[in-house]
Amino acid sequence: MSRYDVTVLVVAKAPVPGLAKTRLAATVGDQAAADIAAAALLDTLDAVAATPVAARVVAMTGELDRASAGPEIRRRLAAFTVLDQRGDGFAERLVNAHADAAAAVGDRPVLQIGMDTPQVSAELLGACSQTLLGAPAVLGMARDGGWWVLGVRKAGMAQCLRGVPMSTSETGALTHMALQHNGFDVTLLVDLHDVDTIEDVDTVRDVCAPGSRFVHTTRMAGV
């Protein structure tokens, strides 16, 4: 399989009980929600690690020492370039993560994802990377109105996110508009369902690999 000259950037939060997946925690409890978030993060890291790209970066926030599966996550991160998130709001942290990734591993196209879509695979991320190499920008919408993946040809293009409200039902559409307003043609990728509430679990679990941590952990939690 050919290697894609792309940096995959994962923007992640340590799955600390009481701070992780708070909407899901309202139904299943803080510990179970953190366990599910940890499973989703580890499945995501496995998929990225198996994707044939030039660099793999994680922009991390939170205390892994307090996180569910913290030691396992720390071991998995050894295969990645790990950076601290910086900035006051989520949009600013995303912009800085792109810039910091470029400074750390080289200013090549950046494909950025989060940790809410454990169904991603190396094949899907490879296909997204290939598309990005032929387009100025790519965007994959999430079914809740946000987006699950953003790819930009140059890290500095992510500056357009500064004015985009994050974590709303219009974030995806507004991100698309911001990219276009800055003169970037956008290729839309496949839509995915991400995990925010208990209603999302079945939909995502149905398209995860049968042996994934997310499948095992959600079933163990009785979700």
N, C-alpha and C. Protein backbone atom coordinates (compact mmCIF):
# COMPACT_ATOMS: atom_id res chain seq x y z
N MET A 1 0.84 -1.20 0.00
CA MET A 1 0.00 0.00 0.00
C MET A 1 0.88 1.25 0.00
N SER A 2 0.55 2.20 -0.84
CA SER A 2 1.33 3.44 -0.94
C SER A 2 1.14 4.29 0.31
N ARG A 3 2.20 5.02 0.67
CA ARG A 3 2.10 5.95 1.78
C ARG A 3 1.65 7.30 1.26
N TYR A 4 0.71 7.92 1.96
CA TYR A 4 0.21 9.22 1.58
C TYR A 4 1.00 10.30 2.32
N ASP A 5 1.42 11.34 1.59
CA ASP A 5 2.20 12.41 2.18
C ASP A 5 1.26 13.38 2.90
N VAL A 6 0.70 12.88 3.99
CA VAL A 6 -0.33 13.58 4.77
C VAL A 6 0.00 13.39 6.24
N THR A 7 -0.31 14.40 7.05
CA THR A 7 -0.29 14.26 8.50
C THR A 7 -1.71 14.03 8.99
N VAL A 8 -1.93 12.95 9.70
CA VAL A 8 -3.22 12.76 10.37
C VAL A 8 -3.10 13.30 11.78
N LEU A 9 -4.00 14.21 12.11
CA LEU A 9 -4.01 14.91 13.40
C LEU A 9 -5.26 14.50 14.17
N VAL A 10 -5.07 13.92 15.34
CA VAL A 10 -6.18 13.57 16.22
C VAL A 10 -6.24 14.59 17.34
N VAL A 11 -7.38 15.24 17.49
CA VAL A 11 -7.58 16.20 18.58
C VAL A 11 -8.38 15.48 19.66
N ALA A 12 -7.77 15.30 20.84
CA ALA A 12 -8.34 14.40 21.84
C ALA A 12 -8.32 15.02 23.23
N LYS A 13 -9.20 14.48 24.07
CA LYS A 13 -9.33 14.91 25.46
C LYS A 13 -9.20 13.68 26.34
N ALA A 14 -8.40 13.77 27.39
CA ALA A 14 -8.26 12.64 28.30
C ALA A 14 -9.63 12.27 28.87
N PRO A 15 -10.00 10.98 28.81
CA PRO A 15 -11.34 10.57 29.27
C PRO A 15 -11.41 10.44 30.79
N VAL A 16 -11.47 11.58 31.45
CA VAL A 16 -11.52 11.63 32.92
C VAL A 16 -12.98 11.53 33.37
N PRO A 17 -13.32 10.61 34.27
CA PRO A 17 -14.70 10.52 34.76
C PRO A 17 -15.17 11.87 35.32
N GLY A 18 -16.37 12.24 34.91
CA GLY A 18 -16.94 13.52 35.31
C GLY A 18 -16.68 14.63 34.32
N LEU A 19 -15.68 14.44 33.43
CA LEU A 19 -15.36 15.44 32.43
C LEU A 19 -15.56 14.93 31.00
N ALA A 20 -15.61 13.62 30.84
CA ALA A 20 -15.72 13.01 29.52
C ALA A 20 -17.16 12.65 29.20
N LYS A 21 -17.58 12.97 27.98
CA LYS A 21 -18.90 12.55 27.49
C LYS A 21 -20.00 12.86 28.50
N THR A 22 -20.14 14.12 28.85
CA THR A 22 -21.06 14.50 29.91
C THR A 22 -22.52 14.24 29.55
N ARG A 23 -22.85 14.38 28.26
CA ARG A 23 -24.24 14.09 27.87
C ARG A 23 -24.54 12.60 27.96
N LEU A 24 -23.57 11.78 27.61
CA LEU A 24 -23.73 10.34 27.77
C LEU A 24 -23.72 9.96 29.24
N ALA A 25 -22.88 10.64 30.03
CA ALA A 25 -22.78 10.35 31.46
C ALA A 25 -24.09 10.60 32.20
N ALA A 26 -24.89 11.52 31.69
CA ALA A 26 -26.18 11.79 32.33
C ALA A 26 -27.07 10.56 32.35
N THR A 27 -26.81 9.63 31.45
CA THR A 27 -27.60 8.40 31.36
C THR A 27 -26.88 7.20 31.97
N VAL A 28 -25.58 7.06 31.67
CA VAL A 28 -24.87 5.84 32.06
C VAL A 28 -23.95 6.03 33.26
N GLY A 29 -23.73 7.26 33.70
CA GLY A 29 -22.84 7.53 34.81
C GLY A 29 -21.46 7.97 34.34
N ASP A 30 -20.76 8.64 35.23
CA ASP A 30 -19.47 9.24 34.86
C ASP A 30 -18.43 8.19 34.47
N GLN A 31 -18.32 7.11 35.24
CA GLN A 31 -17.28 6.12 34.96
C GLN A 31 -17.54 5.39 33.66
N ALA A 32 -18.77 4.97 33.44
CA ALA A 32 -19.09 4.26 32.20
C ALA A 32 -18.87 5.16 30.99
N ALA A 33 -19.26 6.43 31.11
CA ALA A 33 -19.06 7.35 29.99
C ALA A 33 -17.58 7.54 29.70
N ALA A 34 -16.76 7.63 30.74
CA ALA A 34 -15.31 7.77 30.54
C ALA A 34 -14.72 6.51 29.93
N ASP A 35 -15.21 5.36 30.37
CA ASP A 35 -14.74 4.09 29.79
C ASP A 35 -15.06 4.02 28.30
N ILE A 36 -16.25 4.46 27.93
CA ILE A 36 -16.67 4.45 26.52
C ILE A 36 -15.83 5.44 25.72
N ALA A 37 -15.58 6.61 26.30
CA ALA A 37 -14.73 7.60 25.61
C ALA A 37 -13.32 7.06 25.42
N ALA A 38 -12.79 6.37 26.42
CA ALA A 38 -11.46 5.79 26.30
C ALA A 38 -11.42 4.74 25.20
N ALA A 39 -12.45 3.92 25.14
CA ALA A 39 -12.52 2.89 24.09
C ALA A 39 -12.57 3.54 22.71
N ALA A 40 -13.36 4.60 22.57
CA ALA A 40 -13.45 5.29 21.29
C ALA A 40 -12.11 5.90 20.89
N LEU A 41 -11.41 6.49 21.86
CA LEU A 41 -10.10 7.07 21.56
C LEU A 41 -9.10 6.00 21.14
N LEU A 42 -9.05 4.90 21.86
CA LEU A 42 -8.09 3.84 21.53
C LEU A 42 -8.39 3.22 20.18
N ASP A 43 -9.66 3.01 19.86
CA ASP A 43 -10.01 2.48 18.53
C ASP A 43 -9.58 3.46 17.44
N THR A 44 -9.78 4.75 17.71
CA THR A 44 -9.37 5.78 16.74
C THR A 44 -7.86 5.76 16.54
N LEU A 45 -7.12 5.69 17.63
CA LEU A 45 -5.65 5.66 17.53
C LEU A 45 -5.17 4.42 16.78
N ASP A 46 -5.83 3.29 17.00
CA ASP A 46 -5.47 2.08 16.26
C ASP A 46 -5.66 2.28 14.75
N ALA A 47 -6.78 2.89 14.38
CA ALA A 47 -7.06 3.11 12.96
C ALA A 47 -6.03 4.05 12.35
N VAL A 48 -5.70 5.12 13.07
CA VAL A 48 -4.71 6.08 12.56
C VAL A 48 -3.34 5.42 12.45
N ALA A 49 -2.96 4.63 13.46
CA ALA A 49 -1.65 3.98 13.45
C ALA A 49 -1.51 3.04 12.25
N ALA A 50 -2.63 2.47 11.80
CA ALA A 50 -2.60 1.53 10.68
C ALA A 50 -2.73 2.21 9.32
N THR A 51 -2.92 3.52 9.31
CA THR A 51 -3.09 4.26 8.06
C THR A 51 -1.72 4.64 7.50
N PRO A 52 -1.46 4.37 6.23
CA PRO A 52 -0.14 4.63 5.67
C PRO A 52 0.07 6.10 5.31
N VAL A 53 0.40 6.90 6.32
CA VAL A 53 0.61 8.34 6.12
C VAL A 53 2.00 8.72 6.61
N ALA A 54 2.41 9.94 6.27
CA ALA A 54 3.77 10.38 6.59
C ALA A 54 3.95 10.67 8.07
N ALA A 55 2.91 11.17 8.74
CA ALA A 55 3.05 11.54 10.15
C ALA A 55 1.71 11.38 10.86
N ARG A 56 1.80 11.10 12.16
CA ARG A 56 0.61 10.92 12.99
C ARG A 56 0.81 11.73 14.26
N VAL A 57 -0.10 12.66 14.50
CA VAL A 57 0.03 13.60 15.62
C VAL A 57 -1.24 13.54 16.45
N VAL A 58 -1.08 13.63 17.77
CA VAL A 58 -2.22 13.78 18.68
C VAL A 58 -2.04 15.08 19.44
N ALA A 59 -3.04 15.95 19.36
CA ALA A 59 -3.10 17.16 20.18
C ALA A 59 -3.99 16.84 21.37
N MET A 60 -3.40 16.80 22.54
CA MET A 60 -4.06 16.25 23.73
C MET A 60 -4.32 17.33 24.76
N THR A 61 -5.43 17.18 25.48
CA THR A 61 -5.70 18.01 26.65
C THR A 61 -6.24 17.12 27.75
N GLY A 62 -6.08 17.57 29.00
CA GLY A 62 -6.58 16.79 30.12
C GLY A 62 -5.50 15.96 30.79
N GLU A 63 -5.87 15.35 31.91
CA GLU A 63 -4.92 14.63 32.76
C GLU A 63 -5.04 13.12 32.54
N LEU A 64 -4.10 12.57 31.82
CA LEU A 64 -4.14 11.13 31.57
C LEU A 64 -3.98 10.32 32.85
N ASP A 65 -3.33 10.87 33.84
CA ASP A 65 -3.16 10.15 35.11
C ASP A 65 -4.50 9.91 35.80
N ARG A 66 -5.51 10.71 35.48
CA ARG A 66 -6.84 10.55 36.08
C ARG A 66 -7.83 9.89 35.11
N ALA A 67 -7.38 9.56 33.93
CA ALA A 67 -8.28 9.11 32.87
C ALA A 67 -8.58 7.63 32.95
N SER A 68 -9.74 7.25 32.48
CA SER A 68 -10.04 5.84 32.26
C SER A 68 -9.06 5.29 31.24
N ALA A 69 -8.52 4.11 31.51
CA ALA A 69 -7.54 3.47 30.62
C ALA A 69 -6.32 4.35 30.37
N GLY A 70 -6.00 5.21 31.33
CA GLY A 70 -4.89 6.13 31.14
C GLY A 70 -3.57 5.45 30.78
N PRO A 71 -3.16 4.39 31.49
CA PRO A 71 -1.89 3.74 31.13
C PRO A 71 -1.91 3.16 29.72
N GLU A 72 -3.04 2.56 29.31
CA GLU A 72 -3.12 2.00 27.96
C GLU A 72 -3.06 3.10 26.91
N ILE A 73 -3.75 4.21 27.16
CA ILE A 73 -3.71 5.33 26.23
C ILE A 73 -2.28 5.87 26.12
N ARG A 74 -1.61 6.01 27.26
CA ARG A 74 -0.24 6.52 27.25
C ARG A 74 0.67 5.62 26.43
N ARG A 75 0.51 4.29 26.58
CA ARG A 75 1.33 3.36 25.80
C ARG A 75 1.04 3.51 24.31
N ARG A 76 -0.24 3.67 23.95
CA ARG A 76 -0.59 3.78 22.53
C ARG A 76 -0.05 5.07 21.95
N LEU A 77 0.00 6.12 22.75
CA LEU A 77 0.49 7.41 22.26
C LEU A 77 1.97 7.39 21.94
N ALA A 78 2.68 6.36 22.39
CA ALA A 78 4.11 6.28 22.10
C ALA A 78 4.38 6.20 20.61
N ALA A 79 3.39 5.78 19.83
CA ALA A 79 3.55 5.68 18.38
C ALA A 79 3.22 6.98 17.65
N PHE A 80 2.90 8.03 18.40
CA PHE A 80 2.47 9.30 17.83
C PHE A 80 3.37 10.43 18.32
N THR A 81 3.38 11.53 17.56
CA THR A 81 3.91 12.78 18.05
C THR A 81 2.80 13.44 18.86
N VAL A 82 3.04 13.67 20.14
CA VAL A 82 1.99 14.17 21.04
C VAL A 82 2.29 15.62 21.40
N LEU A 83 1.29 16.47 21.21
CA LEU A 83 1.39 17.89 21.50
C LEU A 83 0.30 18.28 22.49
N ASP A 84 0.58 19.29 23.29
CA ASP A 84 -0.45 19.84 24.18
C ASP A 84 -1.34 20.80 23.39
N GLN A 85 -2.63 20.70 23.63
CA GLN A 85 -3.54 21.71 23.06
C GLN A 85 -3.29 23.04 23.76
N ARG A 86 -3.47 24.12 23.00
CA ARG A 86 -3.32 25.45 23.60
C ARG A 86 -4.36 26.38 22.98
N GLY A 87 -4.83 27.32 23.80
CA GLY A 87 -5.86 28.24 23.33
C GLY A 87 -7.04 28.25 24.27
N ASP A 88 -7.83 29.31 24.21
CA ASP A 88 -8.93 29.48 25.15
C ASP A 88 -10.19 28.74 24.73
N GLY A 89 -10.59 28.84 23.48
CA GLY A 89 -11.79 28.17 23.01
C GLY A 89 -11.43 27.01 22.11
N PHE A 90 -12.43 26.16 21.80
CA PHE A 90 -12.16 24.97 21.00
C PHE A 90 -11.69 25.35 19.59
N ALA A 91 -12.30 26.37 19.00
CA ALA A 91 -11.88 26.78 17.66
C ALA A 91 -10.42 27.21 17.66
N GLU A 92 -10.01 27.99 18.66
CA GLU A 92 -8.62 28.42 18.74
C GLU A 92 -7.69 27.23 18.95
N ARG A 93 -8.11 26.25 19.75
CA ARG A 93 -7.27 25.07 19.97
C ARG A 93 -7.10 24.27 18.69
N LEU A 94 -8.16 24.21 17.87
CA LEU A 94 -8.04 23.51 16.59
C LEU A 94 -7.05 24.22 15.67
N VAL A 95 -7.17 25.53 15.56
CA VAL A 95 -6.25 26.31 14.72
C VAL A 95 -4.81 26.08 15.19
N ASN A 96 -4.59 26.17 16.48
CA ASN A 96 -3.23 26.01 17.02
C ASN A 96 -2.73 24.58 16.83
N ALA A 97 -3.62 23.61 16.92
CA ALA A 97 -3.20 22.22 16.73
C ALA A 97 -2.68 21.99 15.32
N HIS A 98 -3.33 22.58 14.33
CA HIS A 98 -2.84 22.47 12.95
C HIS A 98 -1.46 23.12 12.82
N ALA A 99 -1.32 24.31 13.37
CA ALA A 99 -0.04 25.03 13.28
C ALA A 99 1.06 24.28 14.02
N ASP A 100 0.75 23.76 15.20
CA ASP A 100 1.76 23.07 16.00
C ASP A 100 2.15 21.74 15.35
N ALA A 101 1.18 21.07 14.74
CA ALA A 101 1.49 19.83 14.03
C ALA A 101 2.45 20.10 12.87
N ALA A 102 2.19 21.16 12.13
CA ALA A 102 3.07 21.51 11.00
C ALA A 102 4.47 21.84 11.49
N ALA A 103 4.55 22.56 12.61
CA ALA A 103 5.87 22.91 13.15
C ALA A 103 6.62 21.68 13.63
N ALA A 104 5.88 20.69 14.13
CA ALA A 104 6.52 19.51 14.72
C ALA A 104 6.95 18.48 13.68
N VAL A 105 6.13 18.29 12.63
CA VAL A 105 6.40 17.17 11.71
C VAL A 105 6.50 17.60 10.26
N GLY A 106 6.32 18.89 9.96
CA GLY A 106 6.41 19.37 8.59
C GLY A 106 5.09 19.86 8.07
N ASP A 107 5.14 20.91 7.26
CA ASP A 107 3.91 21.55 6.76
C ASP A 107 3.44 20.86 5.49
N ARG A 108 2.78 19.75 5.70
CA ARG A 108 2.17 19.00 4.60
C ARG A 108 0.65 19.03 4.80
N PRO A 109 -0.15 18.50 3.89
CA PRO A 109 -1.58 18.44 4.12
C PRO A 109 -1.92 17.77 5.46
N VAL A 110 -2.91 18.33 6.16
CA VAL A 110 -3.32 17.84 7.48
C VAL A 110 -4.75 17.33 7.40
N LEU A 111 -4.95 16.09 7.83
CA LEU A 111 -6.27 15.49 7.94
C LEU A 111 -6.57 15.36 9.42
N GLN A 112 -7.54 16.14 9.91
CA GLN A 112 -7.80 16.22 11.34
C GLN A 112 -9.12 15.55 11.70
N ILE A 113 -9.07 14.69 12.73
CA ILE A 113 -10.27 14.04 13.25
C ILE A 113 -10.30 14.20 14.76
N GLY A 114 -11.42 13.81 15.35
CA GLY A 114 -11.55 13.79 16.80
C GLY A 114 -11.56 12.36 17.32
N MET A 115 -12.24 12.15 18.44
CA MET A 115 -12.28 10.83 19.07
C MET A 115 -13.71 10.34 19.25
N ASP A 116 -14.64 10.91 18.49
CA ASP A 116 -16.05 10.57 18.63
C ASP A 116 -16.56 9.62 17.56
N THR A 117 -15.67 9.16 16.67
CA THR A 117 -16.10 8.27 15.58
C THR A 117 -15.22 7.01 15.59
N PRO A 118 -15.44 6.12 16.56
CA PRO A 118 -14.59 4.93 16.67
C PRO A 118 -14.78 3.95 15.52
N GLN A 119 -15.75 4.20 14.66
CA GLN A 119 -15.95 3.33 13.50
C GLN A 119 -14.98 3.61 12.36
N VAL A 120 -14.14 4.65 12.47
CA VAL A 120 -13.20 4.93 11.39
C VAL A 120 -12.22 3.77 11.24
N SER A 121 -11.76 3.58 10.03
CA SER A 121 -10.82 2.51 9.74
C SER A 121 -9.62 3.08 8.99
N ALA A 122 -8.56 2.29 8.92
CA ALA A 122 -7.40 2.71 8.15
C ALA A 122 -7.76 2.91 6.68
N GLU A 123 -8.67 2.05 6.17
CA GLU A 123 -9.07 2.17 4.78
C GLU A 123 -9.80 3.48 4.53
N LEU A 124 -10.70 3.86 5.45
CA LEU A 124 -11.44 5.11 5.29
C LEU A 124 -10.49 6.31 5.40
N LEU A 125 -9.60 6.29 6.38
CA LEU A 125 -8.68 7.41 6.54
C LEU A 125 -7.70 7.49 5.36
N GLY A 126 -7.32 6.34 4.82
CA GLY A 126 -6.48 6.36 3.63
C GLY A 126 -7.19 6.97 2.44
N ALA A 127 -8.47 6.62 2.27
CA ALA A 127 -9.25 7.20 1.17
C ALA A 127 -9.42 8.70 1.35
N CYS A 128 -9.63 9.15 2.59
CA CYS A 128 -9.73 10.58 2.86
C CYS A 128 -8.41 11.29 2.55
N SER A 129 -7.31 10.65 2.92
CA SER A 129 -5.99 11.23 2.65
C SER A 129 -5.75 11.35 1.16
N GLN A 130 -6.11 10.33 0.42
CA GLN A 130 -5.92 10.36 -1.03
C GLN A 130 -6.74 11.48 -1.66
N THR A 131 -7.98 11.66 -1.19
CA THR A 131 -8.81 12.74 -1.71
C THR A 131 -8.20 14.10 -1.39
N LEU A 132 -7.67 14.25 -0.17
CA LEU A 132 -7.08 15.52 0.23
C LEU A 132 -5.89 15.88 -0.65
N LEU A 133 -5.13 14.91 -1.09
CA LEU A 133 -3.97 15.20 -1.93
C LEU A 133 -4.36 15.78 -3.29
N GLY A 134 -5.63 15.62 -3.66
CA GLY A 134 -6.09 16.17 -4.93
C GLY A 134 -7.06 17.32 -4.77
N ALA A 135 -7.16 17.88 -3.56
CA ALA A 135 -8.14 18.94 -3.30
C ALA A 135 -7.55 19.95 -2.32
N PRO A 136 -7.96 21.22 -2.40
CA PRO A 136 -7.48 22.20 -1.42
C PRO A 136 -7.95 21.88 0.01
N ALA A 137 -9.19 21.40 0.12
CA ALA A 137 -9.75 21.10 1.44
C ALA A 137 -10.79 20.00 1.31
N VAL A 138 -10.93 19.21 2.38
CA VAL A 138 -11.98 18.19 2.44
C VAL A 138 -12.70 18.32 3.77
N LEU A 139 -13.97 17.91 3.77
CA LEU A 139 -14.79 18.03 4.97
C LEU A 139 -15.79 16.89 5.01
N GLY A 140 -15.83 16.19 6.13
CA GLY A 140 -16.81 15.13 6.32
C GLY A 140 -17.79 15.53 7.40
N MET A 141 -19.05 15.63 7.04
CA MET A 141 -20.07 16.09 7.99
C MET A 141 -20.46 14.98 8.96
N ALA A 142 -20.79 15.40 10.19
CA ALA A 142 -21.38 14.50 11.17
C ALA A 142 -22.90 14.66 11.13
N ARG A 143 -23.59 13.59 11.48
CA ARG A 143 -25.05 13.60 11.35
C ARG A 143 -25.73 14.57 12.31
N ASP A 144 -25.01 15.04 13.36
CA ASP A 144 -25.61 15.98 14.30
C ASP A 144 -25.44 17.44 13.89
N GLY A 145 -24.87 17.65 12.69
CA GLY A 145 -24.68 19.01 12.21
C GLY A 145 -23.26 19.52 12.34
N GLY A 146 -22.41 18.77 13.01
CA GLY A 146 -21.01 19.14 13.09
C GLY A 146 -20.21 18.52 11.95
N TRP A 147 -18.94 18.30 12.19
CA TRP A 147 -18.12 17.57 11.21
C TRP A 147 -17.20 16.63 11.96
N TRP A 148 -16.84 15.51 11.30
CA TRP A 148 -15.98 14.53 11.95
C TRP A 148 -14.55 14.56 11.40
N VAL A 149 -14.36 15.12 10.21
CA VAL A 149 -13.03 15.19 9.63
C VAL A 149 -12.90 16.48 8.82
N LEU A 150 -11.72 17.10 8.95
CA LEU A 150 -11.39 18.29 8.17
C LEU A 150 -9.98 18.10 7.63
N GLY A 151 -9.82 18.30 6.35
CA GLY A 151 -8.50 18.24 5.74
C GLY A 151 -8.18 19.52 5.02
N VAL A 152 -6.97 20.02 5.21
CA VAL A 152 -6.53 21.25 4.54
C VAL A 152 -5.16 21.01 3.91
N ARG A 153 -4.94 21.63 2.77
CA ARG A 153 -3.69 21.44 2.05
C ARG A 153 -2.50 22.01 2.83
N LYS A 154 -2.72 23.15 3.50
CA LYS A 154 -1.70 23.79 4.32
C LYS A 154 -2.29 24.07 5.70
N ALA A 155 -1.48 23.87 6.73
CA ALA A 155 -1.98 24.03 8.09
C ALA A 155 -2.57 25.41 8.33
N GLY A 156 -1.99 26.44 7.72
CA GLY A 156 -2.47 27.79 7.93
C GLY A 156 -3.89 28.03 7.46
N MET A 157 -4.38 27.17 6.59
CA MET A 157 -5.76 27.31 6.12
C MET A 157 -6.77 27.14 7.25
N ALA A 158 -6.37 26.44 8.31
CA ALA A 158 -7.28 26.23 9.44
C ALA A 158 -7.57 27.51 10.20
N GLN A 159 -6.86 28.60 9.90
CA GLN A 159 -7.14 29.88 10.54
C GLN A 159 -8.60 30.30 10.36
N CYS A 160 -9.21 29.85 9.29
CA CYS A 160 -10.60 30.25 9.02
C CYS A 160 -11.57 29.69 10.05
N LEU A 161 -11.13 28.75 10.89
CA LEU A 161 -12.01 28.19 11.92
C LEU A 161 -12.23 29.14 13.08
N ARG A 162 -11.40 30.17 13.20
CA ARG A 162 -11.47 31.06 14.37
C ARG A 162 -12.85 31.67 14.57
N GLY A 163 -13.55 31.95 13.50
CA GLY A 163 -14.86 32.58 13.64
C GLY A 163 -16.02 31.62 13.60
N VAL A 164 -15.75 30.31 13.65
CA VAL A 164 -16.81 29.30 13.54
C VAL A 164 -17.22 28.83 14.93
N PRO A 165 -18.50 28.97 15.29
CA PRO A 165 -18.97 28.41 16.56
C PRO A 165 -18.86 26.89 16.53
N MET A 166 -18.27 26.31 17.55
CA MET A 166 -18.08 24.86 17.60
C MET A 166 -19.18 24.20 18.45
N SER A 167 -19.37 22.91 18.19
CA SER A 167 -20.30 22.08 18.96
C SER A 167 -21.73 22.59 18.89
N THR A 168 -22.15 23.02 17.69
CA THR A 168 -23.53 23.41 17.46
C THR A 168 -24.07 22.60 16.28
N SER A 169 -25.36 22.69 16.08
CA SER A 169 -25.99 21.96 14.96
C SER A 169 -25.66 22.59 13.61
N GLU A 170 -24.99 23.73 13.61
CA GLU A 170 -24.64 24.41 12.37
C GLU A 170 -23.13 24.45 12.12
N THR A 171 -22.35 23.82 12.99
CA THR A 171 -20.90 23.90 12.88
C THR A 171 -20.41 23.39 11.53
N GLY A 172 -20.95 22.28 11.06
CA GLY A 172 -20.51 21.74 9.78
C GLY A 172 -20.76 22.69 8.63
N ALA A 173 -21.98 23.21 8.56
CA ALA A 173 -22.33 24.12 7.48
C ALA A 173 -21.51 25.40 7.56
N LEU A 174 -21.30 25.92 8.78
CA LEU A 174 -20.54 27.16 8.94
C LEU A 174 -19.05 26.95 8.63
N THR A 175 -18.52 25.78 8.93
CA THR A 175 -17.14 25.47 8.56
C THR A 175 -17.00 25.41 7.05
N HIS A 176 -17.95 24.77 6.41
CA HIS A 176 -17.95 24.71 4.94
C HIS A 176 -17.96 26.12 4.35
N MET A 177 -18.82 26.97 4.88
CA MET A 177 -18.91 28.34 4.39
C MET A 177 -17.63 29.12 4.65
N ALA A 178 -17.02 28.91 5.82
CA ALA A 178 -15.79 29.63 6.15
C ALA A 178 -14.67 29.25 5.20
N LEU A 179 -14.56 27.98 4.87
CA LEU A 179 -13.53 27.54 3.92
C LEU A 179 -13.77 28.17 2.55
N GLN A 180 -15.01 28.13 2.10
CA GLN A 180 -15.33 28.70 0.79
C GLN A 180 -15.13 30.20 0.78
N HIS A 181 -15.49 30.88 1.88
CA HIS A 181 -15.34 32.34 1.95
C HIS A 181 -13.88 32.75 1.84
N ASN A 182 -12.99 31.86 2.28
CA ASN A 182 -11.55 32.14 2.19
C ASN A 182 -10.95 31.67 0.87
N GLY A 183 -11.80 31.26 -0.05
CA GLY A 183 -11.35 30.92 -1.39
C GLY A 183 -10.89 29.49 -1.58
N PHE A 184 -11.24 28.60 -0.62
CA PHE A 184 -10.81 27.21 -0.71
C PHE A 184 -11.94 26.34 -1.26
N ASP A 185 -11.71 25.66 -2.35
CA ASP A 185 -12.67 24.69 -2.83
C ASP A 185 -12.71 23.50 -1.87
N VAL A 186 -13.91 23.04 -1.56
CA VAL A 186 -14.08 21.99 -0.56
C VAL A 186 -14.68 20.75 -1.21
N THR A 187 -14.03 19.61 -1.01
CA THR A 187 -14.59 18.33 -1.43
C THR A 187 -15.22 17.67 -0.21
N LEU A 188 -16.50 17.33 -0.32
CA LEU A 188 -17.20 16.71 0.80
C LEU A 188 -16.94 15.21 0.81
N LEU A 189 -16.68 14.70 2.00
CA LEU A 189 -16.43 13.28 2.21
C LEU A 189 -17.68 12.63 2.79
N VAL A 190 -17.59 11.35 3.10
CA VAL A 190 -18.73 10.60 3.61
C VAL A 190 -19.18 11.18 4.97
N ASP A 191 -20.48 11.22 5.18
CA ASP A 191 -21.03 11.59 6.49
C ASP A 191 -20.86 10.43 7.46
N LEU A 192 -20.60 10.74 8.73
CA LEU A 192 -20.56 9.72 9.78
C LEU A 192 -21.39 10.18 10.97
N HIS A 193 -21.83 9.21 11.74
CA HIS A 193 -22.54 9.48 12.98
C HIS A 193 -21.52 9.46 14.10
N ASP A 194 -21.47 10.50 14.93
CA ASP A 194 -20.54 10.47 16.06
C ASP A 194 -21.29 10.15 17.36
N VAL A 195 -20.54 9.97 18.43
CA VAL A 195 -21.11 9.53 19.71
C VAL A 195 -21.13 10.68 20.69
N ASP A 196 -22.33 11.14 21.02
CA ASP A 196 -22.49 12.18 22.03
C ASP A 196 -23.45 11.75 23.13
N THR A 197 -24.51 11.03 22.77
CA THR A 197 -25.53 10.63 23.73
C THR A 197 -25.79 9.13 23.60
N ILE A 198 -26.59 8.60 24.50
CA ILE A 198 -26.87 7.16 24.48
C ILE A 198 -27.60 6.75 23.21
N GLU A 199 -28.36 7.68 22.61
CA GLU A 199 -29.08 7.37 21.38
C GLU A 199 -28.13 7.11 20.22
N ASP A 200 -26.90 7.59 20.32
CA ASP A 200 -25.93 7.41 19.23
C ASP A 200 -25.22 6.06 19.27
N VAL A 201 -25.25 5.40 20.42
CA VAL A 201 -24.39 4.23 20.62
C VAL A 201 -24.72 3.11 19.65
N ASP A 202 -25.99 2.73 19.54
CA ASP A 202 -26.36 1.61 18.66
C ASP A 202 -25.95 1.88 17.22
N THR A 203 -26.21 3.09 16.75
CA THR A 203 -25.91 3.43 15.36
C THR A 203 -24.43 3.29 15.06
N VAL A 204 -23.59 3.77 15.97
CA VAL A 204 -22.15 3.70 15.75
C VAL A 204 -21.64 2.27 15.96
N ARG A 205 -22.14 1.61 16.97
CA ARG A 205 -21.69 0.24 17.26
C ARG A 205 -21.96 -0.70 16.11
N ASP A 206 -23.06 -0.47 15.42
CA ASP A 206 -23.44 -1.35 14.30
C ASP A 206 -22.44 -1.30 13.15
N VAL A 207 -21.65 -0.23 13.05
CA VAL A 207 -20.70 -0.12 11.94
C VAL A 207 -19.25 -0.18 12.41
N CYS A 208 -19.05 -0.50 13.70
CA CYS A 208 -17.70 -0.72 14.20
C CYS A 208 -17.26 -2.15 13.89
N ALA A 209 -15.96 -2.36 13.89
CA ALA A 209 -15.45 -3.72 13.77
C ALA A 209 -15.95 -4.54 14.96
N PRO A 210 -16.35 -5.78 14.76
CA PRO A 210 -16.95 -6.58 15.84
C PRO A 210 -16.07 -6.70 17.08
N GLY A 211 -14.76 -6.75 16.91
CA GLY A 211 -13.86 -6.90 18.05
C GLY A 211 -13.36 -5.60 18.63
N SER A 212 -13.96 -4.49 18.26
CA SER A 212 -13.45 -3.19 18.70
C SER A 212 -13.68 -2.98 20.19
N ARG A 213 -12.87 -2.13 20.77
CA ARG A 213 -13.05 -1.77 22.19
C ARG A 213 -14.40 -1.11 22.42
N PHE A 214 -14.82 -0.28 21.46
CA PHE A 214 -16.09 0.42 21.63
C PHE A 214 -17.24 -0.57 21.72
N VAL A 215 -17.26 -1.58 20.87
CA VAL A 215 -18.30 -2.60 20.94
C VAL A 215 -18.28 -3.29 22.27
N HIS A 216 -17.09 -3.75 22.69
CA HIS A 216 -16.97 -4.49 23.96
C HIS A 216 -17.36 -3.62 25.14
N THR A 217 -16.87 -2.39 25.19
CA THR A 217 -17.09 -1.54 26.36
C THR A 217 -18.54 -1.11 26.48
N THR A 218 -19.17 -0.77 25.38
CA THR A 218 -20.58 -0.37 25.47
C THR A 218 -21.46 -1.54 25.89
N ARG A 219 -21.14 -2.73 25.42
CA ARG A 219 -21.94 -3.89 25.82
C ARG A 219 -21.71 -4.22 27.29
N MET A 220 -20.48 -4.10 27.75
CA MET A 220 -20.19 -4.34 29.16
C MET A 220 -20.90 -3.32 30.04
N ALA A 221 -21.10 -2.11 29.52
CA ALA A 221 -21.79 -1.07 30.28
C ALA A 221 -23.31 -1.23 30.22
N GLY A 222 -23.77 -2.19 29.43
CA GLY A 222 -25.21 -2.42 29.31
C GLY A 222 -25.93 -1.39 28.47
N VAL A 223 -25.17 -0.74 27.59
CA VAL A 223 -25.77 0.30 26.74
C VAL A 223 -26.32 -0.33 25.48
